Protein backbone atom coordinates (compact mmCIF):
# COMPACT_ATOMS: atom_id res chain seq x y z
CA MET A 1 101.09 105.05 77.04
CA LYS A 2 100.55 105.77 81.04
CA THR A 3 98.79 103.79 83.43
CA HIS A 4 96.42 105.18 86.56
CA LEU A 5 94.24 104.09 89.09
CA GLU A 6 90.26 105.17 88.97
CA VAL A 7 88.43 104.46 91.86
CA ARG A 8 84.49 104.38 92.20
CA PHE A 9 81.84 102.93 95.08
CA HIS A 10 80.83 100.62 93.51
CA LEU A 11 77.10 99.89 94.03
CA LEU A 12 75.94 96.51 91.62
CA SER A 13 74.07 93.69 93.01
CA GLY A 14 76.87 91.21 93.43
CA LYS A 15 79.92 89.82 95.73
CA ASN A 16 81.46 93.58 95.33
CA HIS A 17 78.49 95.63 96.07
CA ARG A 18 78.97 98.20 98.22
CA LYS A 19 82.98 97.75 97.91
CA TRP A 20 85.39 100.28 96.38
CA GLN A 21 86.33 99.20 92.92
CA VAL A 22 89.83 100.04 92.14
CA LYS A 23 90.35 99.56 88.05
CA VAL A 24 93.83 99.23 87.00
CA MET A 25 93.90 101.40 83.07
CA GLN A 26 96.45 102.09 80.77
CA GLY A 27 94.76 105.68 78.78
CA ARG A 28 90.87 103.64 78.46
CA LYS A 29 91.53 100.30 78.20
CA LYS A 30 91.19 98.52 81.63
CA ILE A 31 94.04 96.14 82.39
CA SER A 32 92.58 94.36 86.19
CA ASP A 33 90.31 96.13 88.59
CA HIS A 34 90.48 94.73 91.90
CA TYR A 35 87.99 95.38 95.11
CA PHE A 36 88.72 96.61 98.74
CA ASP A 37 86.17 96.37 101.89
CA PRO A 38 85.47 99.75 103.26
CA SER A 39 85.31 98.29 106.73
CA GLU A 40 88.25 96.62 106.71
CA VAL A 41 90.24 98.68 104.13
CA GLN A 42 91.22 102.44 104.29
CA LEU A 43 92.80 103.92 100.79
CA GLU A 44 95.35 106.56 100.50
CA MET A 45 95.09 108.10 96.75
CA ARG A 46 97.32 109.81 95.88
CA GLY A 47 97.60 112.60 93.16
CA CYS A 48 94.27 112.67 92.33
CA ARG A 49 91.10 114.22 89.92
CA LEU A 50 87.41 114.58 90.78
CA ALA A 51 86.53 112.83 87.30
CA ASN A 52 82.63 113.29 86.35
CA ASN A 53 80.68 111.98 82.89
CA LEU A 54 78.28 115.30 82.64
CA LYS A 55 76.41 113.67 80.31
CA LYS A 56 75.81 110.65 81.86
CA ALA A 57 75.24 112.70 84.83
CA MET A 58 72.24 115.00 83.38
CA LYS A 59 70.41 111.34 82.31
CA VAL A 60 70.79 109.74 86.04
CA ASN A 61 69.76 113.25 87.59
CA LYS A 62 66.58 113.11 84.73
CA GLU A 63 65.43 109.71 84.98
CA GLN A 64 66.41 109.16 88.49
CA SER A 65 68.52 106.07 87.81
CA LYS A 66 71.51 104.53 88.15
CA ASP A 67 74.93 105.00 86.38
CA VAL A 68 78.35 104.55 86.34
CA THR A 69 79.07 108.63 86.21
CA GLY A 70 81.66 109.64 88.13
CA SER A 71 85.20 108.75 89.74
CA VAL A 72 88.35 109.48 91.63
CA HIS A 73 91.27 109.25 88.36
CA CYS A 74 94.50 108.89 91.17
CA GLU A 75 98.12 108.27 90.27
CA GLU A 76 98.98 105.61 93.06
CA ILE A 77 97.19 103.96 95.93
CA VAL A 78 98.29 102.89 99.28
CA LEU A 79 96.30 101.10 102.33
CA THR A 80 96.38 102.75 105.33
CA SER A 81 95.18 104.01 108.50
CA ILE A 82 94.57 107.56 108.40
CA PRO A 83 92.24 109.59 111.32
CA THR A 84 90.11 111.64 109.27
CA GLU A 85 88.37 113.93 112.00
CA GLY A 86 88.38 117.14 110.98
CA LEU A 87 88.52 116.83 107.23
CA GLU A 88 86.39 118.11 104.77
CA ARG A 89 84.64 115.42 102.94
CA VAL A 90 84.21 115.25 99.08
CA PHE A 91 81.08 113.26 97.96
CA TYR A 92 79.02 112.59 94.75
CA ASN A 93 75.82 111.42 93.99
CA PRO A 94 74.28 112.92 90.79
CA ILE A 95 70.55 111.40 91.44
CA LYS A 96 70.53 114.64 93.89
CA ASN A 97 73.17 116.69 92.08
CA ILE A 98 75.53 116.50 88.45
CA HIS A 99 79.06 117.90 89.39
CA TRP A 100 81.12 116.65 93.02
CA ARG A 101 80.99 118.57 96.17
CA ARG A 102 82.84 119.70 98.87
CA GLU A 103 81.10 119.81 102.53
CA SER A 104 82.23 123.06 102.62
CA ASP A 105 80.68 124.95 99.92
CA GLU A 106 76.58 124.12 100.54
CA GLY A 107 76.93 123.16 96.77
CA GLU A 108 77.80 126.68 95.22
CA PHE A 109 80.21 125.20 92.84
CA SER A 110 81.08 122.31 91.03
CA TRP A 111 84.53 120.20 91.92
CA ASP A 112 84.20 118.01 88.68
CA GLU A 113 88.28 117.83 87.52
CA THR A 114 89.35 119.39 90.58
CA GLU A 115 93.32 118.26 91.42
CA TYR A 116 94.51 116.63 95.51
CA HIS A 117 97.38 115.77 96.25
CA THR A 118 96.16 113.04 98.41
CA LEU A 119 92.57 111.90 98.85
CA VAL A 120 92.20 109.27 101.99
CA THR A 121 88.74 107.03 102.10
CA ASN A 122 86.46 106.18 105.34
CA GLY A 123 84.33 104.13 105.41
CA ARG A 124 82.33 104.39 102.36
CA GLN A 125 83.32 107.93 102.00
CA VAL A 126 86.00 110.36 101.12
CA TYR A 127 88.10 113.12 102.56
CA ILE A 128 90.82 115.46 101.69
CA LEU A 129 93.71 114.83 103.09
CA GLN A 130 96.39 116.96 101.34
CA GLU A 131 95.49 119.51 98.88
CA ARG A 132 96.78 119.88 95.54
CA ASP A 133 100.12 122.54 95.53
């Protein structure tokens, strides 16, 4: 079974609050997880897909509650130092909108399940470094 990574911004209270969580997955089984402080580390994610559990996202939006509904699935992550000025941001907040968004579209499209060659973090934000060919 193929291994992949799932990346999300961890919002649960505790020692890993407001850190990037990277889960190493084999199918649906979690093998391990790792946490990275966004003020200290920049993640370059390769072979990415913007994942969304739409049913959970609709519940979060309706109830204005918090739950894990979206993440970036990727094949590989490397720690990097890349300027993000001029790059387009992708973002996700199911309390406001149940779909992944891109900065340029003003909420006109759903970017759920779209694929990218490379995404990169800067602080708590995610940017498109390279579109998928």
